Amino acid sequence: MQSFPNPLTPSEEKYYIQRYTEGDLEAKHILIERNLRLVAHVLKKYQNLEEDSEDLLSIGTIGLIKAVVTFNPDKGNRLAAYASRCIENEILMHLRSKKKAAKEISLYEPIGTDREGNEIRLYDIIEAEEIDVSEKIYLKENIQKLYEKVENELSIREKLVLKMRYGLYSGEEYTQREIASQLGISRSYVSRIEKSAVEKLRKNFQEEAAPSNVCTRDSRSI
């Protein structure tokens, strides 16, 4: 089980919030790190769903980061109470977007049978030129493949940056500068992470596209 740093005491929280409002980014990191246990606590409500725990942890962490950035101590609330709502809102937005995407009908979904009992698919009756339909199918297959590779080939940080940068999973898109601000790292570092992740995906697609009976010059993994 993943362990998290102990939460801040009320006096520690007040101290680091004050430091952060004065421009201390290290205080921001501490506020985020010491509240990660809160993300795990909120995720317990969704543990019975068929969702990847690391994926939900990343999404919940985005909510936590937003909470730390937007928290107003003058309203008299504790950061933990405010952050809990932000974390849950981020997770719920993700689940709603997935539910909406699941409602999309596949081109190959059966919609009935003809007079001879043969299955009729939506693909069979779409009023479009063959090349257009083929391109749609090819695009859909590649999008699905891309999401699989994002989850399986990238590190947690690379996945998080790409999700925020390109609005994956119907999320909101952010600029590199906005991502850097939310994650507390430099814009150039965000750019390097993004380029590394994209290059990994590009190489992976190229390797799959290569004929399986052709040997590469060097098969060692990098």
C-alpha atoms as a PDB file:
ATOM      1  CA  MET A   1       0.000   0.000   0.000  1.00  0.00           C
ATOM      2  CA  GLN A   2       1.344   3.413  -0.930  1.00  0.00           C
ATOM      3  CA  SER A   3       2.357   5.538   2.059  1.00  0.00           C
ATOM      4  CA  PHE A   4       1.900   9.294   2.242  1.00  0.00           C
ATOM      5  CA  PRO A   5       3.453  12.007   4.412  1.00  0.00           C
ATOM      6  CA  ASN A   6       1.613  12.877   7.601  1.00  0.00           C
ATOM      7  CA  PRO A   7      -0.894  15.731   7.271  1.00  0.00           C
ATOM      8  CA  LEU A   8      -0.044  19.198   8.521  1.00  0.00           C
ATOM      9  CA  THR A   9      -1.227  20.400  11.892  1.00  0.00           C
ATOM     10  CA  PRO A  10      -3.504  23.476  11.842  1.00  0.00           C
ATOM     11  CA  SER A  11      -0.592  25.701  12.913  1.00  0.00           C
ATOM     12  CA  GLU A  12       1.742  24.199  10.265  1.00  0.00           C
ATOM     13  CA  GLU A  13      -0.922  24.609   7.588  1.00  0.00           C
ATOM     14  CA  LYS A  14      -1.408  28.266   8.516  1.00  0.00           C
ATOM     15  CA  TYR A  15       2.367  28.831   8.446  1.00  0.00           C
ATOM     16  CA  TYR A  16       2.915  27.293   5.003  1.00  0.00           C
ATOM     17  CA  ILE A  17      -0.151  28.977   3.512  1.00  0.00           C
ATOM     18  CA  GLN A  18       1.219  32.317   4.673  1.00  0.00           C
ATOM     19  CA  ARG A  19       4.617  31.521   3.160  1.00  0.00           C
ATOM     20  CA  TYR A  20       2.992  30.494  -0.125  1.00  0.00           C
ATOM     21  CA  THR A  21       0.936  33.707  -0.311  1.00  0.00           C
ATOM     22  CA  GLU A  22       4.256  35.535   0.040  1.00  0.00           C
ATOM     23  CA  GLY A  23       5.595  33.740  -3.020  1.00  0.00           C
ATOM     24  CA  ASP A  24       7.443  30.781  -1.488  1.00  0.00           C
ATOM     25  CA  LEU A  25       7.017  27.909  -3.989  1.00  0.00           C
ATOM     26  CA  GLU A  26       8.637  25.435  -1.630  1.00  0.00           C
ATOM     27  CA  ALA A  27       5.732  26.057   0.732  1.00  0.00           C
ATOM     28  CA  LYS A  28       3.371  25.197  -2.118  1.00  0.00           C
ATOM     29  CA  HIS A  29       5.122  21.850  -2.650  1.00  0.00           C
ATOM     30  CA  ILE A  30       4.835  21.079   1.064  1.00  0.00           C
ATOM     31  CA  LEU A  31       1.115  21.926   1.106  1.00  0.00           C
ATOM     32  CA  ILE A  32       0.564  19.559  -1.818  1.00  0.00           C
ATOM     33  CA  GLU A  33       2.752  16.715  -0.574  1.00  0.00           C
ATOM     34  CA  ARG A  34       1.407  16.790   2.982  1.00  0.00           C
ATOM     35  CA  ASN A  35      -2.172  16.620   1.692  1.00  0.00           C
ATOM     36  CA  LEU A  36      -1.688  13.664  -0.665  1.00  0.00           C
ATOM     37  CA  ARG A  37      -3.170  11.411   2.019  1.00  0.00           C
ATOM     38  CA  LEU A  38      -6.381  13.413   1.507  1.00  0.00           C
ATOM     39  CA  VAL A  39      -6.488  12.375  -2.161  1.00  0.00           C
ATOM     40  CA  ALA A  40      -6.223   8.712  -1.146  1.00  0.00           C
ATOM     41  CA  HIS A  41      -8.987   9.233   1.412  1.00  0.00           C
ATOM     42  CA  VAL A  42     -11.370  10.704  -1.191  1.00  0.00           C
ATOM     43  CA  LEU A  43     -10.543   7.866  -3.617  1.00  0.00           C
ATOM     44  CA  LYS A  44     -11.881   5.295  -1.136  1.00  0.00           C
ATOM     45  CA  LYS A  45     -15.389   6.372  -2.160  1.00  0.00           C
ATOM     46  CA  TYR A  46     -14.653   5.183  -5.703  1.00  0.00           C
ATOM     47  CA  GLN A  47     -12.674   2.005  -4.983  1.00  0.00           C
ATOM     48  CA  ASN A  48     -15.485  -0.249  -6.228  1.00  0.00           C
ATOM     49  CA  LEU A  49     -15.506   1.345  -9.671  1.00  0.00           C
ATOM     50  CA  GLU A  50     -13.635  -0.249 -12.563  1.00  0.00           C
ATOM     51  CA  GLU A  51     -11.091   2.548 -12.643  1.00  0.00           C
ATOM     52  CA  ASP A  52      -7.313   2.409 -12.574  1.00  0.00           C
ATOM     53  CA  SER A  53      -6.226   3.529  -9.085  1.00  0.00           C
ATOM     54  CA  GLU A  54      -3.098   5.309 -10.346  1.00  0.00           C
ATOM     55  CA  ASP A  55      -5.156   7.126 -12.961  1.00  0.00           C
ATOM     56  CA  LEU A  56      -7.635   8.324 -10.336  1.00  0.00           C
ATOM     57  CA  LEU A  57      -4.753   9.273  -8.034  1.00  0.00           C
ATOM     58  CA  SER A  58      -3.272  11.471 -10.780  1.00  0.00           C
ATOM     59  CA  ILE A  59      -6.648  13.078 -11.448  1.00  0.00           C
ATOM     60  CA  GLY A  60      -7.288  13.615  -7.744  1.00  0.00           C
ATOM     61  CA  THR A  61      -3.838  15.172  -7.391  1.00  0.00           C
ATOM     62  CA  ILE A  62      -4.736  17.702 -10.090  1.00  0.00           C
ATOM     63  CA  GLY A  63      -7.749  18.644  -7.958  1.00  0.00           C
ATOM     64  CA  LEU A  64      -5.481  19.005  -4.927  1.00  0.00           C
ATOM     65  CA  ILE A  65      -3.068  21.238  -6.843  1.00  0.00           C
ATOM     66  CA  LYS A  66      -5.957  23.431  -7.997  1.00  0.00           C
ATOM     67  CA  ALA A  67      -7.154  23.643  -4.392  1.00  0.00           C
ATOM     68  CA  VAL A  68      -3.780  24.800  -3.080  1.00  0.00           C
ATOM     69  CA  VAL A  69      -3.454  27.374  -5.876  1.00  0.00           C
ATOM     70  CA  THR A  70      -6.956  28.840  -5.434  1.00  0.00           C
ATOM     71  CA  PHE A  71      -7.410  28.510  -1.662  1.00  0.00           C
ATOM     72  CA  ASN A  72      -8.400  31.704   0.139  1.00  0.00           C
ATOM     73  CA  PRO A  73      -7.582  31.494   3.879  1.00  0.00           C
ATOM     74  CA  ASP A  74      -9.519  34.709   4.547  1.00  0.00           C
ATOM     75  CA  LYS A  75     -12.791  32.774   4.205  1.00  0.00           C
ATOM     76  CA  GLY A  76     -12.045  30.917   7.421  1.00  0.00           C
ATOM     77  CA  ASN A  77     -12.088  27.385   6.000  1.00  0.00           C
ATOM     78  CA  ARG A  78      -9.455  24.703   6.492  1.00  0.00           C
ATOM     79  CA  LEU A  79      -7.499  23.803   3.378  1.00  0.00           C
ATOM     80  CA  ALA A  80      -8.377  20.117   3.846  1.00  0.00           C
ATOM     81  CA  ALA A  81     -12.118  20.786   3.658  1.00  0.00           C
ATOM     82  CA  TYR A  82     -11.759  22.950   0.568  1.00  0.00           C
ATOM     83  CA  ALA A  83      -9.308  20.552  -1.101  1.00  0.00           C
ATOM     84  CA  SER A  84     -11.636  17.573  -0.519  1.00  0.00           C
ATOM     85  CA  ARG A  85     -14.321  19.268  -2.618  1.00  0.00           C
ATOM     86  CA  CYS A  86     -11.832  20.178  -5.354  1.00  0.00           C
ATOM     87  CA  ILE A  87     -10.456  16.622  -5.470  1.00  0.00           C
ATOM     88  CA  GLU A  88     -13.921  15.103  -5.646  1.00  0.00           C
ATOM     89  CA  ASN A  89     -15.023  17.588  -8.326  1.00  0.00           C
ATOM     90  CA  GLU A  90     -12.009  16.662 -10.473  1.00  0.00           C
ATOM     91  CA  ILE A  91     -12.766  12.950 -10.144  1.00  0.00           C
ATOM     92  CA  LEU A  92     -16.471  13.436 -10.875  1.00  0.00           C
ATOM     93  CA  MET A  93     -15.665  15.466 -14.015  1.00  0.00           C
ATOM     94  CA  HIS A  94     -13.430  12.620 -15.179  1.00  0.00           C
ATOM     95  CA  LEU A  95     -16.112   9.985 -14.512  1.00  0.00           C
ATOM     96  CA  ARG A  96     -18.790  12.052 -16.264  1.00  0.00           C
ATOM     97  CA  SER A  97     -16.592  12.502 -19.330  1.00  0.00           C
ATOM     98  CA  LYS A  98     -15.925   8.739 -19.469  1.00  0.00           C
ATOM     99  CA  LYS A  99     -19.620   7.988 -19.113  1.00  0.00           C
ATOM    100  CA  LYS A 100     -20.400  10.371 -21.949  1.00  0.00           C
ATOM    101  CA  ALA A 101     -17.749   8.770 -24.171  1.00  0.00           C
ATOM    102  CA  ALA A 102     -19.126   5.297 -23.385  1.00  0.00           C
ATOM    103  CA  LYS A 103     -22.465   6.292 -24.873  1.00  0.00           C
ATOM    104  CA  GLU A 104     -20.930   6.757 -28.305  1.00  0.00           C
ATOM    105  CA  ILE A 105     -22.200   4.034 -30.657  1.00  0.00           C
ATOM    106  CA  SER A 106     -19.563   1.994 -32.439  1.00  0.00           C
ATOM    107  CA  LEU A 107     -19.687   1.863 -36.215  1.00  0.00           C
ATOM    108  CA  TYR A 108     -19.803  -1.913 -35.833  1.00  0.00           C
ATOM    109  CA  GLU A 109     -22.564  -2.012 -33.194  1.00  0.00           C
ATOM    110  CA  PRO A 110     -25.426  -4.347 -34.260  1.00  0.00           C
ATOM    111  CA  ILE A 111     -28.678  -2.434 -34.787  1.00  0.00           C
ATOM    112  CA  GLY A 112     -30.910  -5.243 -36.106  1.00  0.00           C
ATOM    113  CA  THR A 113     -31.196  -7.930 -38.766  1.00  0.00           C
ATOM    114  CA  ASP A 114     -32.267  -7.988 -42.389  1.00  0.00           C
ATOM    115  CA  ARG A 115     -34.984 -10.220 -43.917  1.00  0.00           C
ATOM    116  CA  GLU A 116     -32.580 -13.160 -44.151  1.00  0.00           C
ATOM    117  CA  GLY A 117     -31.568 -12.855 -40.516  1.00  0.00           C
ATOM    118  CA  ASN A 118     -28.169 -11.333 -41.270  1.00  0.00           C
ATOM    119  CA  GLU A 119     -26.878  -8.883 -38.694  1.00  0.00           C
ATOM    120  CA  ILE A 120     -27.009  -5.240 -39.744  1.00  0.00           C
ATOM    121  CA  ARG A 121     -24.387  -2.888 -38.380  1.00  0.00           C
ATOM    122  CA  LEU A 122     -24.388   0.876 -38.313  1.00  0.00           C
ATOM    123  CA  TYR A 123     -21.362   0.671 -40.589  1.00  0.00           C
ATOM    124  CA  ASP A 124     -23.508  -0.973 -43.276  1.00  0.00           C
ATOM    125  CA  ILE A 125     -25.969   1.907 -43.576  1.00  0.00           C
ATOM    126  CA  ILE A 126     -23.820   5.001 -43.054  1.00  0.00           C
ATOM    127  CA  GLU A 127     -24.375   7.374 -45.972  1.00  0.00           C
ATOM    128  CA  ALA A 128     -20.787   8.255 -46.729  1.00  0.00           C
ATOM    129  CA  GLU A 129     -18.162   7.417 -49.286  1.00  0.00           C
ATOM    130  CA  GLU A 130     -16.100   4.332 -48.522  1.00  0.00           C
ATOM    131  CA  ILE A 131     -12.870   6.243 -48.094  1.00  0.00           C
ATOM    132  CA  ASP A 132     -14.447   8.565 -45.539  1.00  0.00           C
ATOM    133  CA  VAL A 133     -15.745   5.677 -43.453  1.00  0.00           C
ATOM    134  CA  SER A 134     -12.398   3.888 -43.664  1.00  0.00           C
ATOM    135  CA  GLU A 135     -10.592   6.996 -42.488  1.00  0.00           C
ATOM    136  CA  LYS A 136     -13.002   7.330 -39.561  1.00  0.00           C
ATOM    137  CA  ILE A 137     -12.400   3.728 -38.546  1.00  0.00           C
ATOM    138  CA  TYR A 138      -8.631   4.100 -38.918  1.00  0.00           C
ATOM    139  CA  LEU A 139      -8.677   7.275 -36.825  1.00  0.00           C
ATOM    140  CA  LYS A 140     -10.818   5.663 -34.124  1.00  0.00           C
ATOM    141  CA  GLU A 141      -8.530   2.634 -33.922  1.00  0.00           C
ATOM    142  CA  ASN A 142      -5.466   4.831 -33.604  1.00  0.00           C
ATOM    143  CA  ILE A 143      -7.062   6.983 -30.924  1.00  0.00           C
ATOM    144  CA  GLN A 144      -7.860   3.864 -28.903  1.00  0.00           C
ATOM    145  CA  LYS A 145      -4.330   2.588 -29.429  1.00  0.00           C
ATOM    146  CA  LEU A 146      -2.923   5.945 -28.343  1.00  0.00           C
ATOM    147  CA  TYR A 147      -4.828   5.888 -25.048  1.00  0.00           C
ATOM    148  CA  GLU A 148      -3.621   2.350 -24.365  1.00  0.00           C
ATOM    149  CA  LYS A 149      -0.024   3.373 -24.923  1.00  0.00           C
ATOM    150  CA  VAL A 150      -0.373   6.496 -22.793  1.00  0.00           C
ATOM    151  CA  GLU A 151      -1.471   4.267 -19.891  1.00  0.00           C
ATOM    152  CA  ASN A 152       1.021   1.443 -20.470  1.00  0.00           C
ATOM    153  CA  GLU A 153       4.186   3.078 -21.819  1.00  0.00           C
ATOM    154  CA  LEU A 154       4.512   6.388 -19.960  1.00  0.00           C
ATOM    155  CA  SER A 155       5.540   7.258 -16.429  1.00  0.00           C
ATOM    156  CA  ILE A 156       2.994   8.765 -14.034  1.00  0.00           C
ATOM    157  CA  ARG A 157       4.468  12.242 -14.521  1.00  0.00           C
ATOM    158  CA  GLU A 158       4.491  11.911 -18.330  1.00  0.00           C
ATOM    159  CA  LYS A 159       0.845  10.753 -18.292  1.00  0.00           C
ATOM    160  CA  LEU A 160      -0.137  13.652 -16.059  1.00  0.00           C
ATOM    161  CA  VAL A 161       1.572  16.262 -18.271  1.00  0.00           C
ATOM    162  CA  LEU A 162       0.066  14.868 -21.491  1.00  0.00           C
ATOM    163  CA  LYS A 163      -3.412  14.630 -19.954  1.00  0.00           C
ATOM    164  CA  MET A 164      -3.242  18.270 -18.886  1.00  0.00           C
ATOM    165  CA  ARG A 165      -1.497  19.492 -22.044  1.00  0.00           C
ATOM    166  CA  TYR A 166      -3.857  17.918 -24.579  1.00  0.00           C
ATOM    167  CA  GLY A 167      -7.056  17.534 -22.552  1.00  0.00           C
ATOM    168  CA  LEU A 168      -7.005  13.735 -22.752  1.00  0.00           C
ATOM    169  CA  TYR A 169     -10.082  11.926 -21.404  1.00  0.00           C
ATOM    170  CA  SER A 170     -12.170  14.987 -22.269  1.00  0.00           C
ATOM    171  CA  GLY A 171     -10.314  17.053 -19.691  1.00  0.00           C
ATOM    172  CA  GLU A 172      -9.349  20.696 -19.817  1.00  0.00           C
ATOM    173  CA  GLU A 173      -6.326  21.746 -21.898  1.00  0.00           C
ATOM    174  CA  TYR A 174      -3.556  23.756 -20.264  1.00  0.00           C
ATOM    175  CA  THR A 175      -0.566  25.649 -21.640  1.00  0.00           C
ATOM    176  CA  GLN A 176       2.931  24.570 -20.624  1.00  0.00           C
ATOM    177  CA  ARG A 177       3.171  27.660 -18.430  1.00  0.00           C
ATOM    178  CA  GLU A 178      -0.122  26.816 -16.667  1.00  0.00           C
ATOM    179  CA  ILE A 179       0.991  23.217 -16.098  1.00  0.00           C
ATOM    180  CA  ALA A 180       4.322  24.430 -14.727  1.00  0.00           C
ATOM    181  CA  SER A 181       2.502  26.731 -12.322  1.00  0.00           C
ATOM    182  CA  GLN A 182       0.146  24.006 -11.096  1.00  0.00           C
ATOM    183  CA  LEU A 183       2.856  21.359 -10.690  1.00  0.00           C
ATOM    184  CA  GLY A 184       5.397  23.777  -9.231  1.00  0.00           C
ATOM    185  CA  ILE A 185       8.086  23.091 -11.857  1.00  0.00           C
ATOM    186  CA  SER A 186       9.629  25.176 -14.625  1.00  0.00           C
ATOM    187  CA  ARG A 187       7.987  25.577 -18.039  1.00  0.00           C
ATOM    188  CA  SER A 188      11.129  24.219 -19.717  1.00  0.00           C
ATOM    189  CA  TYR A 189      10.890  21.081 -17.561  1.00  0.00           C
ATOM    190  CA  VAL A 190       7.256  20.625 -18.602  1.00  0.00           C
ATOM    191  CA  SER A 191       8.387  20.980 -22.224  1.00  0.00           C
ATOM    192  CA  ARG A 192      11.071  18.296 -21.763  1.00  0.00           C
ATOM    193  CA  ILE A 193       8.578  15.904 -20.139  1.00  0.00           C
ATOM    194  CA  GLU A 194       6.081  16.505 -22.949  1.00  0.00           C
ATOM    195  CA  LYS A 195       8.680  15.969 -25.686  1.00  0.00           C
ATOM    196  CA  SER A 196       9.964  12.794 -24.018  1.00  0.00           C
ATOM    197  CA  ALA A 197       6.440  11.380 -23.712  1.00  0.00           C
ATOM    198  CA  VAL A 198       5.519  12.211 -27.311  1.00  0.00           C
ATOM    199  CA  GLU A 199       8.776  10.679 -28.556  1.00  0.00           C
ATOM    200  CA  LYS A 200       8.064   7.469 -26.630  1.00  0.00           C
ATOM    201  CA  LEU A 201       4.619   7.225 -28.200  1.00  0.00           C
ATOM    202  CA  ARG A 202       5.964   8.011 -31.672  1.00  0.00           C
ATOM    203  CA  LYS A 203       8.647   5.302 -31.455  1.00  0.00           C
ATOM    204  CA  ASN A 204       6.124   2.810 -30.136  1.00  0.00           C
ATOM    205  CA  PHE A 205       3.778   3.443 -33.045  1.00  0.00           C
ATOM    206  CA  GLN A 206       6.656   3.145 -35.535  1.00  0.00           C
ATOM    207  CA  GLU A 207       7.764  -0.180 -34.048  1.00  0.00           C
ATOM    208  CA  GLU A 208       4.248  -1.595 -34.374  1.00  0.00           C
ATOM    209  CA  ALA A 209       3.983  -0.357 -37.937  1.00  0.00           C
ATOM    210  CA  ALA A 210       7.184  -2.167 -38.937  1.00  0.00           C
ATOM    211  CA  PRO A 211       6.750  -5.652 -40.551  1.00  0.00           C
ATOM    212  CA  SER A 212       7.054  -8.363 -37.906  1.00  0.00           C
ATOM    213  CA  ASN A 213       9.401 -10.498 -40.056  1.00  0.00           C
ATOM    214  CA  VAL A 214      11.973  -7.733 -40.440  1.00  0.00           C
ATOM    215  CA  CYS A 215      14.752  -7.723 -37.857  1.00  0.00           C
ATOM    216  CA  THR A 216      16.015  -4.397 -36.588  1.00  0.00           C
ATOM    217  CA  ARG A 217      19.724  -3.726 -36.523  1.00  0.00           C
ATOM    218  CA  ASP A 218      19.790  -3.521 -32.743  1.00  0.00           C
ATOM    219  CA  SER A 219      16.979  -5.105 -30.718  1.00  0.00           C
ATOM    220  CA  ARG A 220      18.207  -3.905 -27.323  1.00  0.00           C
ATOM    221  CA  SER A 221      15.702  -1.780 -25.423  1.00  0.00           C
ATOM    222  CA  ILE A 222      16.781   1.770 -24.684  1.00  0.00           C
END
